[in-house]
């Protein structure tokens, strides 16, 4: 299974101590991602995310949404637009 840089970075940010309420800037986000990857590695970050969902799924969902949005903004990731399927008449 292929994993994207976006997903790896979001998992790393999820595992970091940064909080959305702190409104971290781009350097803080990049630093937190780099530190989490150095400290835990890709697999360790993924395991921490999985544990977070197991412990408190609602909180984990909110944190991952924030992490994904922050990573997309900081790293300039644009989501491709999906065409809306035509409705059958």
N, C-alpha and C. Protein backbone atom coordinates (compact mmCIF):
# COMPACT_ATOMS: atom_id res chain seq x y z
N UNK A 1 0.83 -1.17 0.00
CA UNK A 1 0.00 0.00 0.00
C UNK A 1 0.89 1.24 0.00
N UNK A 2 0.59 2.16 -0.90
CA UNK A 2 1.35 3.40 -0.99
C UNK A 2 0.86 4.39 0.07
N UNK A 3 1.79 5.12 0.62
CA UNK A 3 1.44 6.15 1.60
C UNK A 3 2.04 7.46 1.10
N UNK A 4 1.30 8.53 1.25
CA UNK A 4 1.74 9.82 0.73
C UNK A 4 2.56 10.59 1.77
N UNK A 5 3.36 11.53 1.28
CA UNK A 5 4.08 12.43 2.18
C UNK A 5 3.09 13.21 3.04
N UNK A 6 1.97 13.56 2.44
CA UNK A 6 0.93 14.29 3.16
C UNK A 6 0.47 13.49 4.38
N UNK A 7 0.21 12.22 4.20
CA UNK A 7 -0.25 11.37 5.30
C UNK A 7 0.82 11.21 6.37
N UNK A 8 2.05 11.00 5.95
CA UNK A 8 3.16 10.84 6.91
C UNK A 8 3.33 12.12 7.73
N UNK A 9 3.31 13.25 7.06
CA UNK A 9 3.47 14.52 7.77
C UNK A 9 2.31 14.78 8.72
N UNK A 10 1.09 14.48 8.28
CA UNK A 10 -0.08 14.69 9.14
C UNK A 10 -0.01 13.78 10.37
N UNK A 11 0.40 12.54 10.19
CA UNK A 11 0.55 11.64 11.34
C UNK A 11 1.62 12.16 12.29
N UNK A 12 2.71 12.68 11.74
CA UNK A 12 3.77 13.23 12.59
C UNK A 12 3.27 14.44 13.37
N UNK A 13 2.53 15.33 12.70
CA UNK A 13 1.99 16.50 13.38
C UNK A 13 0.98 16.08 14.44
N UNK A 14 0.16 15.09 14.14
CA UNK A 14 -0.80 14.54 15.10
C UNK A 14 -0.09 14.12 16.38
N UNK A 15 1.10 13.52 16.23
CA UNK A 15 1.83 12.99 17.39
C UNK A 15 2.57 14.06 18.16
N UNK A 16 2.74 15.22 17.56
CA UNK A 16 3.51 16.28 18.20
C UNK A 16 2.74 16.90 19.36
N UNK A 17 3.44 17.75 20.09
CA UNK A 17 2.81 18.44 21.22
C UNK A 17 2.10 19.72 20.79
N UNK A 18 2.24 20.13 19.53
CA UNK A 18 1.56 21.35 19.07
C UNK A 18 0.06 21.21 19.23
N UNK A 19 -0.57 22.31 19.57
CA UNK A 19 -2.02 22.33 19.73
C UNK A 19 -2.63 23.31 18.74
N UNK A 20 -3.78 22.97 18.16
CA UNK A 20 -4.42 23.90 17.22
C UNK A 20 -4.69 25.27 17.85
N UNK A 21 -5.00 25.29 19.12
CA UNK A 21 -5.32 26.55 19.80
C UNK A 21 -4.12 27.49 19.87
N UNK A 22 -2.91 26.97 19.67
CA UNK A 22 -1.71 27.80 19.69
C UNK A 22 -1.52 28.55 18.37
N UNK A 23 -2.29 28.16 17.34
CA UNK A 23 -2.16 28.75 16.00
C UNK A 23 -0.70 28.75 15.55
N UNK A 24 -0.08 27.57 15.48
CA UNK A 24 1.34 27.51 15.12
C UNK A 24 1.59 28.00 13.70
N UNK A 25 2.71 28.64 13.51
CA UNK A 25 3.11 29.12 12.20
C UNK A 25 3.77 28.02 11.39
N UNK A 26 4.08 28.31 10.13
CA UNK A 26 4.69 27.30 9.25
C UNK A 26 5.98 26.70 9.80
N UNK A 27 6.86 27.53 10.38
CA UNK A 27 8.11 26.99 10.91
C UNK A 27 7.87 26.05 12.08
N UNK A 28 6.90 26.41 12.92
CA UNK A 28 6.57 25.53 14.05
C UNK A 28 6.01 24.20 13.58
N UNK A 29 5.15 24.23 12.57
CA UNK A 29 4.58 22.99 12.04
C UNK A 29 5.68 22.13 11.42
N UNK A 30 6.51 22.74 10.58
CA UNK A 30 7.60 21.98 9.96
C UNK A 30 8.54 21.40 11.02
N UNK A 31 8.85 22.20 12.02
CA UNK A 31 9.73 21.73 13.09
C UNK A 31 9.12 20.58 13.87
N UNK A 32 7.82 20.68 14.16
CA UNK A 32 7.14 19.61 14.91
C UNK A 32 7.08 18.32 14.09
N UNK A 33 6.83 18.45 12.79
CA UNK A 33 6.80 17.28 11.92
C UNK A 33 8.18 16.62 11.89
N UNK A 34 9.21 17.42 11.70
CA UNK A 34 10.57 16.87 11.63
C UNK A 34 10.96 16.20 12.95
N UNK A 35 10.65 16.85 14.06
CA UNK A 35 10.99 16.30 15.38
C UNK A 35 10.26 14.99 15.63
N UNK A 36 8.98 14.92 15.32
CA UNK A 36 8.21 13.69 15.54
C UNK A 36 8.76 12.56 14.68
N UNK A 37 9.12 12.85 13.44
CA UNK A 37 9.67 11.81 12.57
C UNK A 37 11.03 11.33 13.06
N UNK A 38 11.85 12.26 13.56
CA UNK A 38 13.15 11.85 14.13
C UNK A 38 12.95 11.00 15.38
N UNK A 39 12.03 11.43 16.21
CA UNK A 39 11.82 10.77 17.50
C UNK A 39 11.14 9.40 17.36
N UNK A 40 10.08 9.34 16.57
CA UNK A 40 9.25 8.12 16.51
C UNK A 40 9.39 7.33 15.22
N UNK A 41 9.84 7.98 14.14
CA UNK A 41 9.88 7.32 12.84
C UNK A 41 8.49 7.26 12.24
N UNK A 42 8.43 6.88 10.98
CA UNK A 42 7.14 6.81 10.29
C UNK A 42 6.22 5.81 10.96
N UNK A 43 6.73 4.64 11.25
CA UNK A 43 5.91 3.58 11.86
C UNK A 43 5.43 3.99 13.26
N UNK A 44 6.30 4.59 14.05
CA UNK A 44 5.93 5.01 15.39
C UNK A 44 4.85 6.07 15.39
N UNK A 45 4.92 7.00 14.44
CA UNK A 45 3.87 8.01 14.32
C UNK A 45 2.54 7.36 13.97
N UNK A 46 2.57 6.43 13.02
CA UNK A 46 1.34 5.74 12.63
C UNK A 46 0.75 4.95 13.80
N UNK A 47 1.60 4.32 14.60
CA UNK A 47 1.12 3.57 15.77
C UNK A 47 0.49 4.50 16.80
N UNK A 48 1.07 5.67 16.98
CA UNK A 48 0.53 6.63 17.93
C UNK A 48 -0.83 7.15 17.47
N UNK A 49 -0.97 7.40 16.18
CA UNK A 49 -2.26 7.82 15.63
C UNK A 49 -3.30 6.73 15.87
N UNK A 50 -2.95 5.49 15.57
CA UNK A 50 -3.88 4.37 15.77
C UNK A 50 -4.31 4.27 17.23
N UNK A 51 -3.37 4.43 18.13
CA UNK A 51 -3.69 4.38 19.56
C UNK A 51 -4.63 5.52 19.95
N UNK A 52 -4.41 6.68 19.37
CA UNK A 52 -5.27 7.83 19.64
C UNK A 52 -6.70 7.58 19.24
N UNK A 53 -6.89 6.94 18.09
CA UNK A 53 -8.24 6.62 17.64
C UNK A 53 -8.88 5.58 18.56
N UNK A 54 -8.08 4.66 19.07
CA UNK A 54 -8.61 3.64 19.97
C UNK A 54 -8.99 4.19 21.33
N UNK A 55 -8.25 5.19 21.80
CA UNK A 55 -8.49 5.76 23.12
C UNK A 55 -9.64 6.75 23.13
N UNK A 56 -9.68 7.64 22.15
CA UNK A 56 -10.73 8.67 22.09
C UNK A 56 -10.91 9.07 20.64
N UNK A 57 -11.75 8.32 19.95
CA UNK A 57 -11.94 8.50 18.51
C UNK A 57 -12.40 9.88 18.11
N UNK A 58 -13.32 10.48 18.88
CA UNK A 58 -13.83 11.80 18.52
C UNK A 58 -12.74 12.86 18.57
N UNK A 59 -11.95 12.82 19.62
CA UNK A 59 -10.84 13.77 19.75
C UNK A 59 -9.81 13.52 18.66
N UNK A 60 -9.52 12.27 18.37
CA UNK A 60 -8.54 11.93 17.33
C UNK A 60 -8.99 12.43 15.96
N UNK A 61 -10.26 12.32 15.67
CA UNK A 61 -10.77 12.80 14.38
C UNK A 61 -10.55 14.30 14.25
N UNK A 62 -10.89 15.04 15.29
CA UNK A 62 -10.70 16.50 15.25
C UNK A 62 -9.21 16.86 15.11
N UNK A 63 -8.37 16.15 15.83
CA UNK A 63 -6.93 16.45 15.75
C UNK A 63 -6.38 16.12 14.36
N UNK A 64 -6.81 15.00 13.78
CA UNK A 64 -6.31 14.64 12.45
C UNK A 64 -6.82 15.62 11.40
N UNK A 65 -8.04 16.09 11.53
CA UNK A 65 -8.53 17.10 10.58
C UNK A 65 -7.66 18.34 10.64
N UNK A 66 -7.33 18.77 11.86
CA UNK A 66 -6.46 19.93 12.02
C UNK A 66 -5.08 19.64 11.43
N UNK A 67 -4.53 18.47 11.75
CA UNK A 67 -3.19 18.12 11.26
C UNK A 67 -3.15 18.11 9.74
N UNK A 68 -4.14 17.51 9.11
CA UNK A 68 -4.19 17.48 7.64
C UNK A 68 -4.30 18.88 7.05
N UNK A 69 -5.17 19.70 7.62
CA UNK A 69 -5.34 21.06 7.12
C UNK A 69 -4.04 21.85 7.28
N UNK A 70 -3.38 21.72 8.42
CA UNK A 70 -2.13 22.44 8.67
C UNK A 70 -1.04 21.98 7.71
N UNK A 71 -0.92 20.68 7.51
CA UNK A 71 0.09 20.14 6.60
C UNK A 71 -0.18 20.61 5.18
N UNK A 72 -1.43 20.57 4.75
CA UNK A 72 -1.76 21.01 3.39
C UNK A 72 -1.43 22.49 3.20
N UNK A 73 -1.71 23.30 4.20
CA UNK A 73 -1.42 24.73 4.09
C UNK A 73 0.08 25.00 4.11
N UNK A 74 0.79 24.42 5.05
CA UNK A 74 2.21 24.70 5.22
C UNK A 74 3.05 24.16 4.06
N UNK A 75 2.70 22.97 3.58
CA UNK A 75 3.49 22.35 2.52
C UNK A 75 2.90 22.62 1.13
N UNK A 76 1.85 23.44 1.06
CA UNK A 76 1.28 23.83 -0.23
C UNK A 76 0.66 22.70 -1.01
N UNK A 77 0.00 21.79 -0.31
CA UNK A 77 -0.62 20.64 -0.98
C UNK A 77 -2.03 21.03 -1.41
N UNK A 78 -2.29 20.85 -2.66
CA UNK A 78 -3.62 21.14 -3.21
C UNK A 78 -4.33 19.83 -3.47
N UNK A 79 -5.53 19.73 -2.96
CA UNK A 79 -6.33 18.53 -3.20
C UNK A 79 -6.94 18.61 -4.58
N UNK A 80 -6.84 17.54 -5.38
CA UNK A 80 -7.46 17.57 -6.70
C UNK A 80 -8.98 17.65 -6.55
N UNK A 81 -9.59 18.39 -7.43
CA UNK A 81 -11.05 18.47 -7.38
C UNK A 81 -11.64 17.26 -8.09
N UNK A 82 -12.64 16.73 -7.50
CA UNK A 82 -13.31 15.56 -8.05
C UNK A 82 -14.54 16.01 -8.84
N UNK A 83 -14.70 15.55 -10.06
CA UNK A 83 -15.91 15.92 -10.78
C UNK A 83 -17.14 15.33 -10.10
N UNK A 84 -18.20 16.08 -10.11
CA UNK A 84 -19.45 15.61 -9.53
C UNK A 84 -20.13 14.71 -10.56
N UNK A 85 -20.47 13.48 -10.16
CA UNK A 85 -21.11 12.58 -11.13
C UNK A 85 -22.48 13.10 -11.52
N UNK A 86 -22.80 12.91 -12.78
CA UNK A 86 -24.12 13.33 -13.29
C UNK A 86 -25.19 12.41 -12.70
N UNK A 87 -26.32 13.00 -12.40
CA UNK A 87 -27.43 12.19 -11.87
C UNK A 87 -28.18 11.53 -13.01
N UNK A 88 -28.57 10.32 -12.74
CA UNK A 88 -29.36 9.60 -13.74
C UNK A 88 -30.78 10.18 -13.75
N UNK A 89 -31.29 10.35 -14.94
CA UNK A 89 -32.64 10.95 -15.07
C UNK A 89 -33.71 9.93 -14.84
